């Protein structure tokens, strides 16, 4: 999964898990209800600006990973030096 897809899916899952309707999310994030409905159904994407506002509404933040941090339950393969 590409990083872009990972961010989109994380935001989509958080929107669905919030328990709010797509209309309520669109109002809070100041974007069109049609765009939000399509986004939450996996049929469209939000602009970066709208995605940022939605992340703020949901209490999410984007931050740099620390070195060696595990990604969503996946373990990184470490190369062994010999």
PDB file of N, CA and C in Angstrom:
ATOM      1  N   UNK A   1       0.843  -1.174   0.000  1.00  0.00           N
ATOM      2  CA  UNK A   1       0.000   0.000   0.000  1.00  0.00           C
ATOM      3  C   UNK A   1       0.892   1.242   0.000  1.00  0.00           C
ATOM      4  N   UNK A   2       0.585   2.167  -0.900  1.00  0.00           N
ATOM      5  CA  UNK A   2       1.347   3.398  -0.980  1.00  0.00           C
ATOM      6  C   UNK A   2       1.012   4.290   0.201  1.00  0.00           C
ATOM      7  N   UNK A   3       1.936   5.190   0.533  1.00  0.00           N
ATOM      8  CA  UNK A   3       1.724   6.106   1.645  1.00  0.00           C
ATOM      9  C   UNK A   3       0.460   6.927   1.445  1.00  0.00           C
ATOM     10  N   UNK A   4       0.239   7.432   0.219  1.00  0.00           N
ATOM     11  CA  UNK A   4      -0.951   8.226  -0.076  1.00  0.00           C
ATOM     12  C   UNK A   4      -2.211   7.425   0.248  1.00  0.00           C
ATOM     13  N   UNK A   5      -2.239   6.173  -0.166  1.00  0.00           N
ATOM     14  CA  UNK A   5      -3.395   5.310   0.088  1.00  0.00           C
ATOM     15  C   UNK A   5      -3.557   5.043   1.585  1.00  0.00           C
ATOM     16  N   UNK A   6      -2.453   4.900   2.283  1.00  0.00           N
ATOM     17  CA  UNK A   6      -2.495   4.647   3.723  1.00  0.00           C
ATOM     18  C   UNK A   6      -3.107   5.838   4.462  1.00  0.00           C
ATOM     19  N   UNK A   7      -2.716   7.030   4.089  1.00  0.00           N
ATOM     20  CA  UNK A   7      -3.258   8.234   4.720  1.00  0.00           C
ATOM     21  C   UNK A   7      -4.749   8.355   4.417  1.00  0.00           C
ATOM     22  N   UNK A   8      -5.126   8.131   3.169  1.00  0.00           N
ATOM     23  CA  UNK A   8      -6.529   8.209   2.767  1.00  0.00           C
ATOM     24  C   UNK A   8      -7.369   7.200   3.529  1.00  0.00           C
ATOM     25  N   UNK A   9      -6.915   5.968   3.615  1.00  0.00           N
ATOM     26  CA  UNK A   9      -7.672   4.927   4.319  1.00  0.00           C
ATOM     27  C   UNK A   9      -7.767   5.205   5.808  1.00  0.00           C
ATOM     28  N   UNK A  10      -6.705   5.717   6.398  1.00  0.00           N
ATOM     29  CA  UNK A  10      -6.737   6.062   7.827  1.00  0.00           C
ATOM     30  C   UNK A  10      -7.777   7.145   8.082  1.00  0.00           C
ATOM     31  N   UNK A  11      -7.794   8.149   7.222  1.00  0.00           N
ATOM     32  CA  UNK A  11      -8.763   9.239   7.363  1.00  0.00           C
ATOM     33  C   UNK A  11     -10.187   8.738   7.126  1.00  0.00           C
ATOM     34  N   UNK A  12     -10.367   7.892   6.134  1.00  0.00           N
ATOM     35  CA  UNK A  12     -11.697   7.334   5.838  1.00  0.00           C
ATOM     36  C   UNK A  12     -12.200   6.490   7.014  1.00  0.00           C
ATOM     37  N   UNK A  13     -11.352   5.628   7.541  1.00  0.00           N
ATOM     38  CA  UNK A  13     -11.751   4.786   8.678  1.00  0.00           C
ATOM     39  C   UNK A  13     -12.117   5.634   9.898  1.00  0.00           C
ATOM     40  N   UNK A  14     -11.327   6.691  10.141  1.00  0.00           N
ATOM     41  CA  UNK A  14     -11.606   7.568  11.276  1.00  0.00           C
ATOM     42  C   UNK A  14     -12.934   8.298  11.092  1.00  0.00           C
ATOM     43  N   UNK A  15     -13.229   8.713   9.863  1.00  0.00           N
ATOM     44  CA  UNK A  15     -14.499   9.388   9.576  1.00  0.00           C
ATOM     45  C   UNK A  15     -15.666   8.445   9.836  1.00  0.00           C
ATOM     46  N   UNK A  16     -15.562   7.221   9.373  1.00  0.00           N
ATOM     47  CA  UNK A  16     -16.627   6.240   9.574  1.00  0.00           C
ATOM     48  C   UNK A  16     -16.776   5.862  11.043  1.00  0.00           C
ATOM     49  N   UNK A  17     -15.656   5.745  11.742  1.00  0.00           N
ATOM     50  CA  UNK A  17     -15.678   5.355  13.153  1.00  0.00           C
ATOM     51  C   UNK A  17     -16.190   6.480  14.057  1.00  0.00           C
ATOM     52  N   UNK A  18     -16.213   7.694  13.547  1.00  0.00           N
ATOM     53  CA  UNK A  18     -16.644   8.839  14.358  1.00  0.00           C
ATOM     54  C   UNK A  18     -18.135   8.766  14.711  1.00  0.00           C
ATOM     55  N   UNK A  19     -18.899   8.011  13.923  1.00  0.00           N
ATOM     56  CA  UNK A  19     -20.327   7.903  14.183  1.00  0.00           C
ATOM     57  C   UNK A  19     -21.134   9.060  13.615  1.00  0.00           C
ATOM     58  N   UNK A  20     -20.458  10.021  12.990  1.00  0.00           N
ATOM     59  CA  UNK A  20     -21.143  11.167  12.390  1.00  0.00           C
ATOM     60  C   UNK A  20     -21.564  10.829  10.963  1.00  0.00           C
ATOM     61  N   UNK A  21     -22.613  11.457  10.508  1.00  0.00           N
ATOM     62  CA  UNK A  21     -23.030  11.274   9.126  1.00  0.00           C
ATOM     63  C   UNK A  21     -22.054  12.007   8.208  1.00  0.00           C
ATOM     64  N   UNK A  22     -22.044  11.630   6.942  1.00  0.00           N
ATOM     65  CA  UNK A  22     -21.175  12.330   5.993  1.00  0.00           C
ATOM     66  C   UNK A  22     -21.600  13.788   5.875  1.00  0.00           C
ATOM     67  N   UNK A  23     -22.888  14.068   6.029  1.00  0.00           N
ATOM     68  CA  UNK A  23     -23.363  15.448   5.989  1.00  0.00           C
ATOM     69  C   UNK A  23     -22.794  16.249   7.165  1.00  0.00           C
ATOM     70  N   UNK A  24     -22.855  15.682   8.369  1.00  0.00           N
ATOM     71  CA  UNK A  24     -22.335  16.370   9.552  1.00  0.00           C
ATOM     72  C   UNK A  24     -20.830  16.602   9.417  1.00  0.00           C
ATOM     73  N   UNK A  25     -20.118  15.612   8.894  1.00  0.00           N
ATOM     74  CA  UNK A  25     -18.675  15.763   8.686  1.00  0.00           C
ATOM     75  C   UNK A  25     -18.386  16.848   7.653  1.00  0.00           C
ATOM     76  N   UNK A  26     -19.185  16.893   6.590  1.00  0.00           N
ATOM     77  CA  UNK A  26     -18.960  17.899   5.548  1.00  0.00           C
ATOM     78  C   UNK A  26     -19.197  19.300   6.091  1.00  0.00           C
ATOM     79  N   UNK A  27     -20.208  19.459   6.921  1.00  0.00           N
ATOM     80  CA  UNK A  27     -20.482  20.774   7.520  1.00  0.00           C
ATOM     81  C   UNK A  27     -19.331  21.196   8.431  1.00  0.00           C
ATOM     82  N   UNK A  28     -18.862  20.269   9.267  1.00  0.00           N
ATOM     83  CA  UNK A  28     -17.786  20.591  10.201  1.00  0.00           C
ATOM     84  C   UNK A  28     -16.464  20.874   9.476  1.00  0.00           C
ATOM     85  N   UNK A  29     -16.216  20.152   8.379  1.00  0.00           N
ATOM     86  CA  UNK A  29     -14.968  20.321   7.624  1.00  0.00           C
ATOM     87  C   UNK A  29     -15.089  21.370   6.518  1.00  0.00           C
ATOM     88  N   UNK A  30     -16.265  21.979   6.407  1.00  0.00           N
ATOM     89  CA  UNK A  30     -16.513  23.033   5.418  1.00  0.00           C
ATOM     90  C   UNK A  30     -16.194  22.592   3.995  1.00  0.00           C
ATOM     91  N   UNK A  31     -16.764  21.448   3.630  1.00  0.00           N
ATOM     92  CA  UNK A  31     -16.619  20.937   2.271  1.00  0.00           C
ATOM     93  C   UNK A  31     -17.988  20.460   1.795  1.00  0.00           C
ATOM     94  N   UNK A  32     -18.114  20.121   0.537  1.00  0.00           N
ATOM     95  CA  UNK A  32     -19.433  19.735   0.020  1.00  0.00           C
ATOM     96  C   UNK A  32     -19.861  18.376   0.575  1.00  0.00           C
ATOM     97  N   UNK A  33     -21.153  18.253   0.774  1.00  0.00           N
ATOM     98  CA  UNK A  33     -21.678  16.988   1.299  1.00  0.00           C
ATOM     99  C   UNK A  33     -21.506  15.870   0.272  1.00  0.00           C
ATOM    100  N   UNK A  34     -21.594  16.202  -1.008  1.00  0.00           N
ATOM    101  CA  UNK A  34     -21.412  15.186  -2.060  1.00  0.00           C
ATOM    102  C   UNK A  34     -19.981  14.639  -2.033  1.00  0.00           C
ATOM    103  N   UNK A  35     -19.011  15.527  -1.906  1.00  0.00           N
ATOM    104  CA  UNK A  35     -17.605  15.100  -1.864  1.00  0.00           C
ATOM    105  C   UNK A  35     -17.347  14.221  -0.643  1.00  0.00           C
ATOM    106  N   UNK A  36     -17.913  14.602   0.501  1.00  0.00           N
ATOM    107  CA  UNK A  36     -17.712  13.817   1.725  1.00  0.00           C
ATOM    108  C   UNK A  36     -18.402  12.468   1.614  1.00  0.00           C
ATOM    109  N   UNK A  37     -19.616  12.447   1.045  1.00  0.00           N
ATOM    110  CA  UNK A  37     -20.338  11.188   0.884  1.00  0.00           C
ATOM    111  C   UNK A  37     -19.528  10.237   0.009  1.00  0.00           C
ATOM    112  N   UNK A  38     -19.017  10.744  -1.096  1.00  0.00           N
ATOM    113  CA  UNK A  38     -18.229   9.904  -2.001  1.00  0.00           C
ATOM    114  C   UNK A  38     -16.942   9.433  -1.322  1.00  0.00           C
ATOM    115  N   UNK A  39     -16.303  10.322  -0.569  1.00  0.00           N
ATOM    116  CA  UNK A  39     -15.067   9.958   0.136  1.00  0.00           C
ATOM    117  C   UNK A  39     -15.320   8.849   1.151  1.00  0.00           C
ATOM    118  N   UNK A  40     -16.350   8.995   1.958  1.00  0.00           N
ATOM    119  CA  UNK A  40     -16.606   7.981   2.991  1.00  0.00           C
ATOM    120  C   UNK A  40     -17.049   6.647   2.400  1.00  0.00           C
ATOM    121  N   UNK A  41     -17.543   6.660   1.165  1.00  0.00           N
ATOM    122  CA  UNK A  41     -17.935   5.420   0.485  1.00  0.00           C
ATOM    123  C   UNK A  41     -16.797   4.827  -0.338  1.00  0.00           C
ATOM    124  N   UNK A  42     -15.647   5.504  -0.366  1.00  0.00           N
ATOM    125  CA  UNK A  42     -14.501   5.005  -1.117  1.00  0.00           C
ATOM    126  C   UNK A  42     -14.620   5.232  -2.612  1.00  0.00           C
ATOM    127  N   UNK A  43     -15.470   6.152  -3.023  1.00  0.00           N
ATOM    128  CA  UNK A  43     -15.697   6.404  -4.445  1.00  0.00           C
ATOM    129  C   UNK A  43     -15.060   7.703  -4.922  1.00  0.00           C
ATOM    130  N   UNK A  44     -14.374   8.407  -4.040  1.00  0.00           N
ATOM    131  CA  UNK A  44     -13.757   9.674  -4.414  1.00  0.00           C
ATOM    132  C   UNK A  44     -12.719  10.085  -3.384  1.00  0.00           C
ATOM    133  N   UNK A  45     -12.050  11.160  -3.675  1.00  0.00           N
ATOM    134  CA  UNK A  45     -11.042  11.693  -2.766  1.00  0.00           C
ATOM    135  C   UNK A  45     -11.353  13.136  -2.437  1.00  0.00           C
ATOM    136  N   UNK A  46     -10.828  13.582  -1.321  1.00  0.00           N
ATOM    137  CA  UNK A  46     -10.959  14.977  -0.916  1.00  0.00           C
ATOM    138  C   UNK A  46      -9.718  15.738  -1.360  1.00  0.00           C
ATOM    139  N   UNK A  47      -9.871  17.041  -1.518  1.00  0.00           N
ATOM    140  CA  UNK A  47      -8.688  17.860  -1.764  1.00  0.00           C
ATOM    141  C   UNK A  47      -7.820  17.811  -0.511  1.00  0.00           C
ATOM    142  N   UNK A  48      -6.572  18.174  -0.654  1.00  0.00           N
ATOM    143  CA  UNK A  48      -5.670  18.176   0.499  1.00  0.00           C
ATOM    144  C   UNK A  48      -6.171  19.129   1.573  1.00  0.00           C
ATOM    145  N   UNK A  49      -6.699  20.259   1.164  1.00  0.00           N
ATOM    146  CA  UNK A  49      -7.229  21.241   2.112  1.00  0.00           C
ATOM    147  C   UNK A  49      -8.417  20.661   2.882  1.00  0.00           C
ATOM    148  N   UNK A  50      -9.348  20.046   2.166  1.00  0.00           N
ATOM    149  CA  UNK A  50     -10.525  19.448   2.813  1.00  0.00           C
ATOM    150  C   UNK A  50     -10.114  18.286   3.716  1.00  0.00           C
ATOM    151  N   UNK A  51      -9.151  17.495   3.277  1.00  0.00           N
ATOM    152  CA  UNK A  51      -8.669  16.370   4.096  1.00  0.00           C
ATOM    153  C   UNK A  51      -8.027  16.895   5.382  1.00  0.00           C
ATOM    154  N   UNK A  52      -7.298  17.987   5.276  1.00  0.00           N
ATOM    155  CA  UNK A  52      -6.692  18.589   6.464  1.00  0.00           C
ATOM    156  C   UNK A  52      -7.734  19.084   7.445  1.00  0.00           C
ATOM    157  N   UNK A  53      -8.780  19.726   6.917  1.00  0.00           N
ATOM    158  CA  UNK A  53      -9.862  20.203   7.795  1.00  0.00           C
ATOM    159  C   UNK A  53     -10.593  19.025   8.435  1.00  0.00           C
ATOM    160  N   UNK A  54     -10.817  17.954   7.664  1.00  0.00           N
ATOM    161  CA  UNK A  54     -11.476  16.766   8.215  1.00  0.00           C
ATOM    162  C   UNK A  54     -10.624  16.143   9.312  1.00  0.00           C
ATOM    163  N   UNK A  55      -9.328  16.070   9.096  1.00  0.00           N
ATOM    164  CA  UNK A  55      -8.429  15.524  10.115  1.00  0.00           C
ATOM    165  C   UNK A  55      -8.522  16.338  11.409  1.00  0.00           C
ATOM    166  N   UNK A  56      -8.584  17.659  11.294  1.00  0.00           N
ATOM    167  CA  UNK A  56      -8.727  18.514  12.484  1.00  0.00           C
ATOM    168  C   UNK A  56     -10.050  18.249  13.188  1.00  0.00           C
ATOM    169  N   UNK A  57     -11.129  18.120  12.418  1.00  0.00           N
ATOM    170  CA  UNK A  57     -12.454  17.839  12.981  1.00  0.00           C
ATOM    171  C   UNK A  57     -12.425  16.522  13.754  1.00  0.00           C
ATOM    172  N   UNK A  58     -11.700  15.543  13.235  1.00  0.00           N
ATOM    173  CA  UNK A  58     -11.642  14.213  13.852  1.00  0.00           C
ATOM    174  C   UNK A  58     -10.575  14.109  14.940  1.00  0.00           C
ATOM    175  N   UNK A  59      -9.802  15.175  15.130  1.00  0.00           N
ATOM    176  CA  UNK A  59      -8.763  15.171  16.165  1.00  0.00           C
ATOM    177  C   UNK A  59      -7.520  14.403  15.764  1.00  0.00           C
ATOM    178  N   UNK A  60      -7.263  14.305  14.458  1.00  0.00           N
ATOM    179  CA  UNK A  60      -6.099  13.589  13.957  1.00  0.00           C
ATOM    180  C   UNK A  60      -4.988  14.572  13.618  1.00  0.00           C
ATOM    181  N   UNK A  61      -3.776  14.079  13.626  1.00  0.00           N
ATOM    182  CA  UNK A  61      -2.644  14.905  13.209  1.00  0.00           C
ATOM    183  C   UNK A  61      -1.682  14.064  12.389  1.00  0.00           C
ATOM    184  N   UNK A  62      -0.982  14.721  11.508  1.00  0.00           N
ATOM    185  CA  UNK A  62       0.024  14.076  10.671  1.00  0.00           C
ATOM    186  C   UNK A  62       1.375  14.423  11.266  1.00  0.00           C
ATOM    187  N   UNK A  63       2.167  13.401  11.546  1.00  0.00           N
ATOM    188  CA  UNK A  63       3.484  13.674  12.100  1.00  0.00           C
ATOM    189  C   UNK A  63       4.499  12.681  11.578  1.00  0.00           C
ATOM    190  N   UNK A  64       5.733  13.050  11.670  1.00  0.00           N
ATOM    191  CA  UNK A  64       6.830  12.217  11.209  1.00  0.00           C
ATOM    192  C   UNK A  64       6.984  11.007  12.129  1.00  0.00           C
ATOM    193  N   UNK A  65       7.221   9.848  11.514  1.00  0.00           N
ATOM    194  CA  UNK A  65       7.446   8.640  12.304  1.00  0.00           C
ATOM    195  C   UNK A  65       8.842   8.659  12.888  1.00  0.00           C
ATOM    196  N   UNK A  66       8.946   8.092  14.070  1.00  0.00           N
ATOM    197  CA  UNK A  66      10.275   7.949  14.667  1.00  0.00           C
ATOM    198  C   UNK A  66      10.986   6.784  14.014  1.00  0.00           C
ATOM    199  N   UNK A  67      12.281   6.834  13.989  1.00  0.00           N
ATOM    200  CA  UNK A  67      13.080   5.779  13.379  1.00  0.00           C
ATOM    201  C   UNK A  67      12.750   4.436  14.025  1.00  0.00           C
ATOM    202  N   UNK A  68      12.449   3.436  13.187  1.00  0.00           N
ATOM    203  CA  UNK A  68      12.157   2.091  13.686  1.00  0.00           C
ATOM    204  C   UNK A  68      10.741   1.911  14.193  1.00  0.00           C
ATOM    205  N   UNK A  69       9.880   2.920  14.041  1.00  0.00           N
ATOM    206  CA  UNK A  69       8.505   2.822  14.519  1.00  0.00           C
ATOM    207  C   UNK A  69       7.724   1.809  13.697  1.00  0.00           C
ATOM    208  N   UNK A  70       6.913   1.006  14.352  1.00  0.00           N
ATOM    209  CA  UNK A  70       6.112  -0.016  13.689  1.00  0.00           C
ATOM    210  C   UNK A  70       4.942   0.656  12.982  1.00  0.00           C
ATOM    211  N   UNK A  71       4.650   0.216  11.752  1.00  0.00           N
ATOM    212  CA  UNK A  71       3.570   0.773  10.953  1.00  0.00           C
ATOM    213  C   UNK A  71       2.331  -0.096  11.060  1.00  0.00           C
ATOM    214  N   UNK A  72       1.299   0.359  11.727  1.00  0.00           N
ATOM    215  CA  UNK A  72       0.003  -0.317  11.801  1.00  0.00           C
ATOM    216  C   UNK A  72       0.126  -1.830  11.990  1.00  0.00           C
ATOM    217  N   UNK A  73       0.918  -2.251  12.947  1.00  0.00           N
ATOM    218  CA  UNK A  73       1.041  -3.674  13.241  1.00  0.00           C
ATOM    219  C   UNK A  73       1.994  -4.420  12.343  1.00  0.00           C
ATOM    220  N   UNK A  74       2.609  -3.740  11.392  1.00  0.00           N
ATOM    221  CA  UNK A  74       3.573  -4.392  10.511  1.00  0.00           C
ATOM    222  C   UNK A  74       4.960  -4.191  11.096  1.00  0.00           C
ATOM    223  N   UNK A  75       5.769  -5.191  11.000  1.00  0.00           N
ATOM    224  CA  UNK A  75       7.137  -5.079  11.481  1.00  0.00           C
ATOM    225  C   UNK A  75       8.060  -4.831  10.300  1.00  0.00           C
ATOM    226  N   UNK A  76       8.947  -3.909  10.486  1.00  0.00           N
ATOM    227  CA  UNK A  76       9.914  -3.628   9.435  1.00  0.00           C
ATOM    228  C   UNK A  76      10.962  -4.724   9.403  1.00  0.00           C
ATOM    229  N   UNK A  77      11.401  -5.053   8.207  1.00  0.00           N
ATOM    230  CA  UNK A  77      12.468  -6.015   8.084  1.00  0.00           C
ATOM    231  C   UNK A  77      13.789  -5.283   8.291  1.00  0.00           C
ATOM    232  N   UNK A  78      14.584  -5.815   9.145  1.00  0.00           N
ATOM    233  CA  UNK A  78      15.882  -5.202   9.402  1.00  0.00           C
ATOM    234  C   UNK A  78      16.973  -6.032   8.711  1.00  0.00           C
ATOM    235  N   UNK A  79      17.853  -5.360   8.049  1.00  0.00           N
ATOM    236  CA  UNK A  79      18.944  -6.097   7.410  1.00  0.00           C
ATOM    237  C   UNK A  79      20.026  -6.363   8.457  1.00  0.00           C
ATOM    238  N   UNK A  80      20.615  -7.515   8.331  1.00  0.00           N
ATOM    239  CA  UNK A  80      21.692  -7.882   9.247  1.00  0.00           C
ATOM    240  C   UNK A  80      23.022  -7.615   8.610  1.00  0.00           C
ATOM    241  N   UNK A  81      23.855  -6.978   9.343  1.00  0.00           N
ATOM    242  CA  UNK A  81      25.195  -6.712   8.836  1.00  0.00           C
ATOM    243  C   UNK A  81      26.104  -7.864   9.259  1.00  0.00           C
ATOM    244  N   UNK A  82      26.874  -8.345   8.330  1.00  0.00           N
ATOM    245  CA  UNK A  82      27.769  -9.459   8.658  1.00  0.00           C
ATOM    246  C   UNK A  82      29.196  -9.089   8.426  1.00  0.00           C
TER     247      UNK A  82
END
